Amino acid sequence: MRRALKEITDPAVIDQLLKKASVCHLGLSDNGQPYVVPMNYGYVDRCFYLHCATEGRKLAVISKNNRVCVEVVVEYALESADVPCDWTTRFTSVIGFGSAVILEDPLEKEAALNKLMQGYTGTDTNIFSPQSVKRVCVIRVDMDDIRAKGSAD
């Protein structure tokens, strides 16, 4: 990271940051063409949990290349100034790299959906009907590297 003073490395702080946001951007490479998709997520134990339809471009890309990038903007504020080059942005963001795994086992999918919903509902004991679990795809992203950066001052 170019500006190491802004780097946040404490995993507990990163976990707390990820609890504040509700949307991540999943970056994929589709035959060398960048492809970025905004998604709701859950984050537990260095894994992002995502859900989507059971078919579509992102799943086709993951089936060919499961290496992904995940980015989350937690806080963002644009500050204007009298001189254009003095404008600045105050932000906190998280970015990481990992491998996407499409979960097939219904019990594993339901557990992952509970991890995803925990951030939105505050509980990890949501009940999902077998039909709901069957008609959704769940992706787990195992993070190899995850870092945060903040510009609070």
C-alpha atoms as a PDB file:
ATOM      1  CA  MET A   1       0.000   0.000   0.000  1.00  0.00           C
ATOM      2  CA  ARG A   2       1.480   3.315  -1.074  1.00  0.00           C
ATOM      3  CA  ARG A   3       0.403   5.260   2.018  1.00  0.00           C
ATOM      4  CA  ALA A   4       1.108   2.778   4.797  1.00  0.00           C
ATOM      5  CA  LEU A   5      -0.010   5.231   7.499  1.00  0.00           C
ATOM      6  CA  LYS A   6      -3.585   4.861   6.247  1.00  0.00           C
ATOM      7  CA  GLU A   7      -3.533   1.040   6.306  1.00  0.00           C
ATOM      8  CA  ILE A   8      -5.683  -0.769   8.867  1.00  0.00           C
ATOM      9  CA  THR A   9      -4.292  -4.231   9.598  1.00  0.00           C
ATOM     10  CA  ASP A  10      -6.053  -5.289  12.814  1.00  0.00           C
ATOM     11  CA  PRO A  11      -8.459  -8.139  11.862  1.00  0.00           C
ATOM     12  CA  ALA A  12     -10.865  -7.163  14.660  1.00  0.00           C
ATOM     13  CA  VAL A  13     -11.082  -3.603  13.313  1.00  0.00           C
ATOM     14  CA  ILE A  14     -11.621  -4.905   9.783  1.00  0.00           C
ATOM     15  CA  ASP A  15     -14.410  -7.186  11.056  1.00  0.00           C
ATOM     16  CA  GLN A  16     -16.076  -4.211  12.754  1.00  0.00           C
ATOM     17  CA  LEU A  17     -15.789  -2.108   9.604  1.00  0.00           C
ATOM     18  CA  LEU A  18     -17.420  -4.829   7.526  1.00  0.00           C
ATOM     19  CA  LYS A  19     -20.357  -4.959   9.955  1.00  0.00           C
ATOM     20  CA  LYS A  20     -21.127  -1.297   9.149  1.00  0.00           C
ATOM     21  CA  ALA A  21     -21.610  -1.650   5.384  1.00  0.00           C
ATOM     22  CA  SER A  22     -24.272  -3.553   3.469  1.00  0.00           C
ATOM     23  CA  VAL A  23     -22.938  -3.730  -0.090  1.00  0.00           C
ATOM     24  CA  CYS A  24     -19.710  -5.109  -1.474  1.00  0.00           C
ATOM     25  CA  HIS A  25     -18.385  -5.023  -5.018  1.00  0.00           C
ATOM     26  CA  LEU A  26     -17.315  -8.387  -6.382  1.00  0.00           C
ATOM     27  CA  GLY A  27     -14.593  -8.060  -9.004  1.00  0.00           C
ATOM     28  CA  LEU A  28     -14.168 -10.836 -11.554  1.00  0.00           C
ATOM     29  CA  SER A  29     -12.120 -11.367 -14.686  1.00  0.00           C
ATOM     30  CA  ASP A  30     -14.189 -12.539 -17.658  1.00  0.00           C
ATOM     31  CA  ASN A  31     -11.650 -13.674 -20.265  1.00  0.00           C
ATOM     32  CA  GLY A  32      -9.425 -10.720 -19.395  1.00  0.00           C
ATOM     33  CA  GLN A  33     -12.334  -8.257 -19.258  1.00  0.00           C
ATOM     34  CA  PRO A  34     -13.007  -6.741 -15.810  1.00  0.00           C
ATOM     35  CA  TYR A  35     -16.501  -7.365 -14.457  1.00  0.00           C
ATOM     36  CA  VAL A  36     -17.682  -5.810 -11.168  1.00  0.00           C
ATOM     37  CA  VAL A  37     -20.995  -6.569  -9.471  1.00  0.00           C
ATOM     38  CA  PRO A  38     -22.510  -4.897  -6.370  1.00  0.00           C
ATOM     39  CA  MET A  39     -23.840  -7.491  -3.913  1.00  0.00           C
ATOM     40  CA  ASN A  40     -25.228  -7.843  -0.411  1.00  0.00           C
ATOM     41  CA  TYR A  41     -22.922  -9.854   1.796  1.00  0.00           C
ATOM     42  CA  GLY A  42     -22.153 -11.468   5.101  1.00  0.00           C
ATOM     43  CA  TYR A  43     -18.623 -11.673   6.470  1.00  0.00           C
ATOM     44  CA  VAL A  44     -17.478 -14.236   9.043  1.00  0.00           C
ATOM     45  CA  ASP A  45     -14.034 -15.735   9.733  1.00  0.00           C
ATOM     46  CA  ARG A  46     -12.277 -14.262   6.669  1.00  0.00           C
ATOM     47  CA  CYS A  47     -15.072 -15.391   4.335  1.00  0.00           C
ATOM     48  CA  PHE A  48     -17.594 -13.331   2.412  1.00  0.00           C
ATOM     49  CA  TYR A  49     -20.982 -14.945   1.816  1.00  0.00           C
ATOM     50  CA  LEU A  50     -22.949 -13.807  -1.234  1.00  0.00           C
ATOM     51  CA  HIS A  51     -26.186 -14.952  -2.819  1.00  0.00           C
ATOM     52  CA  CYS A  52     -27.580 -14.652  -6.309  1.00  0.00           C
ATOM     53  CA  ALA A  53     -29.732 -16.348  -8.920  1.00  0.00           C
ATOM     54  CA  THR A  54     -28.778 -19.890  -9.882  1.00  0.00           C
ATOM     55  CA  GLU A  55     -27.563 -18.823 -13.310  1.00  0.00           C
ATOM     56  CA  GLY A  56     -26.028 -15.764 -14.890  1.00  0.00           C
ATOM     57  CA  ARG A  57     -22.810 -14.107 -15.934  1.00  0.00           C
ATOM     58  CA  LYS A  58     -21.069 -14.020 -12.541  1.00  0.00           C
ATOM     59  CA  LEU A  59     -21.539 -17.769 -12.054  1.00  0.00           C
ATOM     60  CA  ALA A  60     -20.327 -18.482 -15.574  1.00  0.00           C
ATOM     61  CA  VAL A  61     -17.222 -16.379 -14.910  1.00  0.00           C
ATOM     62  CA  ILE A  62     -16.558 -18.011 -11.519  1.00  0.00           C
ATOM     63  CA  SER A  63     -16.829 -21.471 -13.080  1.00  0.00           C
ATOM     64  CA  LYS A  64     -13.925 -20.533 -15.409  1.00  0.00           C
ATOM     65  CA  ASN A  65     -11.891 -18.363 -13.008  1.00  0.00           C
ATOM     66  CA  ASN A  66     -12.707 -18.399  -9.306  1.00  0.00           C
ATOM     67  CA  ARG A  67     -10.094 -15.791  -8.323  1.00  0.00           C
ATOM     68  CA  VAL A  68     -11.957 -12.678  -7.190  1.00  0.00           C
ATOM     69  CA  CYS A  69     -11.537  -9.298  -5.550  1.00  0.00           C
ATOM     70  CA  VAL A  70     -14.004  -7.964  -2.984  1.00  0.00           C
ATOM     71  CA  GLU A  71     -14.238  -4.248  -2.137  1.00  0.00           C
ATOM     72  CA  VAL A  72     -16.386  -2.480   0.442  1.00  0.00           C
ATOM     73  CA  VAL A  73     -16.668   1.269   1.036  1.00  0.00           C
ATOM     74  CA  VAL A  74     -17.591   1.697   4.675  1.00  0.00           C
ATOM     75  CA  GLU A  75     -17.528   5.474   5.056  1.00  0.00           C
ATOM     76  CA  TYR A  76     -17.285   8.163   2.407  1.00  0.00           C
ATOM     77  CA  ALA A  77     -17.423  11.952   2.477  1.00  0.00           C
ATOM     78  CA  LEU A  78     -16.358  14.369  -0.240  1.00  0.00           C
ATOM     79  CA  GLU A  79     -14.964  17.658   1.062  1.00  0.00           C
ATOM     80  CA  SER A  80     -14.979  20.637  -1.247  1.00  0.00           C
ATOM     81  CA  ALA A  81     -12.496  23.493  -1.198  1.00  0.00           C
ATOM     82  CA  ASP A  82     -12.012  26.858  -2.889  1.00  0.00           C
ATOM     83  CA  VAL A  83      -9.229  25.458  -5.073  1.00  0.00           C
ATOM     84  CA  PRO A  84     -10.119  22.372  -7.166  1.00  0.00           C
ATOM     85  CA  CYS A  85      -6.936  20.496  -6.312  1.00  0.00           C
ATOM     86  CA  ASP A  86      -7.626  20.980  -2.589  1.00  0.00           C
ATOM     87  CA  TRP A  87     -10.800  18.899  -2.678  1.00  0.00           C
ATOM     88  CA  THR A  88     -10.404  15.661  -0.742  1.00  0.00           C
ATOM     89  CA  THR A  89     -12.227  12.516   0.261  1.00  0.00           C
ATOM     90  CA  ARG A  90     -12.542  11.103   3.754  1.00  0.00           C
ATOM     91  CA  PHE A  91     -13.141   7.371   3.565  1.00  0.00           C
ATOM     92  CA  THR A  92     -12.694   3.943   5.028  1.00  0.00           C
ATOM     93  CA  SER A  93     -12.632   0.961   2.696  1.00  0.00           C
ATOM     94  CA  VAL A  94     -11.798  -2.728   2.726  1.00  0.00           C
ATOM     95  CA  ILE A  95     -10.351  -4.685  -0.173  1.00  0.00           C
ATOM     96  CA  GLY A  96      -9.322  -8.296  -0.423  1.00  0.00           C
ATOM     97  CA  PHE A  97      -8.490 -11.123  -2.763  1.00  0.00           C
ATOM     98  CA  GLY A  98      -9.609 -14.712  -2.601  1.00  0.00           C
ATOM     99  CA  SER A  99     -11.235 -17.714  -4.190  1.00  0.00           C
ATOM    100  CA  ALA A 100     -14.963 -18.066  -4.827  1.00  0.00           C
ATOM    101  CA  VAL A 101     -16.640 -21.386  -4.067  1.00  0.00           C
ATOM    102  CA  ILE A 102     -20.206 -22.112  -5.162  1.00  0.00           C
ATOM    103  CA  LEU A 103     -21.894 -24.002  -2.334  1.00  0.00           C
ATOM    104  CA  GLU A 104     -23.926 -27.023  -3.403  1.00  0.00           C
ATOM    105  CA  ASP A 105     -24.864 -28.794  -0.152  1.00  0.00           C
ATOM    106  CA  PRO A 106     -28.280 -27.540   1.111  1.00  0.00           C
ATOM    107  CA  LEU A 107     -27.184 -27.555   4.774  1.00  0.00           C
ATOM    108  CA  GLU A 108     -24.015 -25.620   3.955  1.00  0.00           C
ATOM    109  CA  LYS A 109     -26.039 -23.161   1.855  1.00  0.00           C
ATOM    110  CA  GLU A 110     -28.500 -22.604   4.706  1.00  0.00           C
ATOM    111  CA  ALA A 111     -25.675 -22.039   7.203  1.00  0.00           C
ATOM    112  CA  ALA A 112     -24.088 -19.544   4.794  1.00  0.00           C
ATOM    113  CA  LEU A 113     -27.417 -17.743   4.273  1.00  0.00           C
ATOM    114  CA  ASN A 114     -27.683 -17.407   8.057  1.00  0.00           C
ATOM    115  CA  LYS A 115     -24.214 -15.838   8.150  1.00  0.00           C
ATOM    116  CA  LEU A 116     -25.255 -13.456   5.390  1.00  0.00           C
ATOM    117  CA  MET A 117     -28.526 -12.518   7.111  1.00  0.00           C
ATOM    118  CA  GLN A 118     -26.885 -12.049  10.513  1.00  0.00           C
ATOM    119  CA  GLY A 119     -25.521  -8.671   9.463  1.00  0.00           C
ATOM    120  CA  TYR A 120     -28.970  -7.477   8.380  1.00  0.00           C
ATOM    121  CA  THR A 121     -31.237  -9.096  10.990  1.00  0.00           C
ATOM    122  CA  GLY A 122     -28.893  -9.403  13.974  1.00  0.00           C
ATOM    123  CA  THR A 123     -29.658 -13.110  14.316  1.00  0.00           C
ATOM    124  CA  ASP A 124     -28.113 -16.231  12.826  1.00  0.00           C
ATOM    125  CA  THR A 125     -31.153 -18.430  13.400  1.00  0.00           C
ATOM    126  CA  ASN A 126     -33.244 -17.456  10.396  1.00  0.00           C
ATOM    127  CA  ILE A 127     -35.448 -20.196   8.977  1.00  0.00           C
ATOM    128  CA  PHE A 128     -35.256 -20.839   5.234  1.00  0.00           C
ATOM    129  CA  SER A 129     -37.676 -23.111   3.436  1.00  0.00           C
ATOM    130  CA  PRO A 130     -36.110 -25.921   1.391  1.00  0.00           C
ATOM    131  CA  GLN A 131     -37.573 -24.276  -1.730  1.00  0.00           C
ATOM    132  CA  SER A 132     -35.858 -20.971  -0.914  1.00  0.00           C
ATOM    133  CA  VAL A 133     -32.508 -22.679  -0.387  1.00  0.00           C
ATOM    134  CA  LYS A 134     -32.899 -24.622  -3.628  1.00  0.00           C
ATOM    135  CA  ARG A 135     -33.703 -21.598  -5.806  1.00  0.00           C
ATOM    136  CA  VAL A 136     -30.758 -19.461  -4.671  1.00  0.00           C
ATOM    137  CA  CYS A 137     -27.060 -19.793  -5.341  1.00  0.00           C
ATOM    138  CA  VAL A 138     -24.703 -19.117  -2.449  1.00  0.00           C
ATOM    139  CA  ILE A 139     -21.090 -18.145  -2.995  1.00  0.00           C
ATOM    140  CA  ARG A 140     -18.423 -18.287  -0.301  1.00  0.00           C
ATOM    141  CA  VAL A 141     -15.298 -16.231  -0.934  1.00  0.00           C
ATOM    142  CA  ASP A 142     -12.332 -17.515   1.052  1.00  0.00           C
ATOM    143  CA  MET A 143     -10.066 -14.501   1.510  1.00  0.00           C
ATOM    144  CA  ASP A 144      -6.311 -14.930   1.033  1.00  0.00           C
ATOM    145  CA  ASP A 145      -5.560 -11.281   1.744  1.00  0.00           C
ATOM    146  CA  ILE A 146      -7.800  -8.601   3.192  1.00  0.00           C
ATOM    147  CA  ARG A 147      -6.848  -5.067   4.168  1.00  0.00           C
ATOM    148  CA  ALA A 148      -8.499  -1.826   5.062  1.00  0.00           C
ATOM    149  CA  LYS A 149      -7.549   1.770   4.484  1.00  0.00           C
ATOM    150  CA  GLY A 150      -8.843   4.889   6.144  1.00  0.00           C
ATOM    151  CA  SER A 151      -8.550   8.616   5.643  1.00  0.00           C
ATOM    152  CA  ALA A 152     -10.274  10.109   8.640  1.00  0.00           C
ATOM    153  CA  ASP A 153      -8.282  13.343   8.894  1.00  0.00           C
END
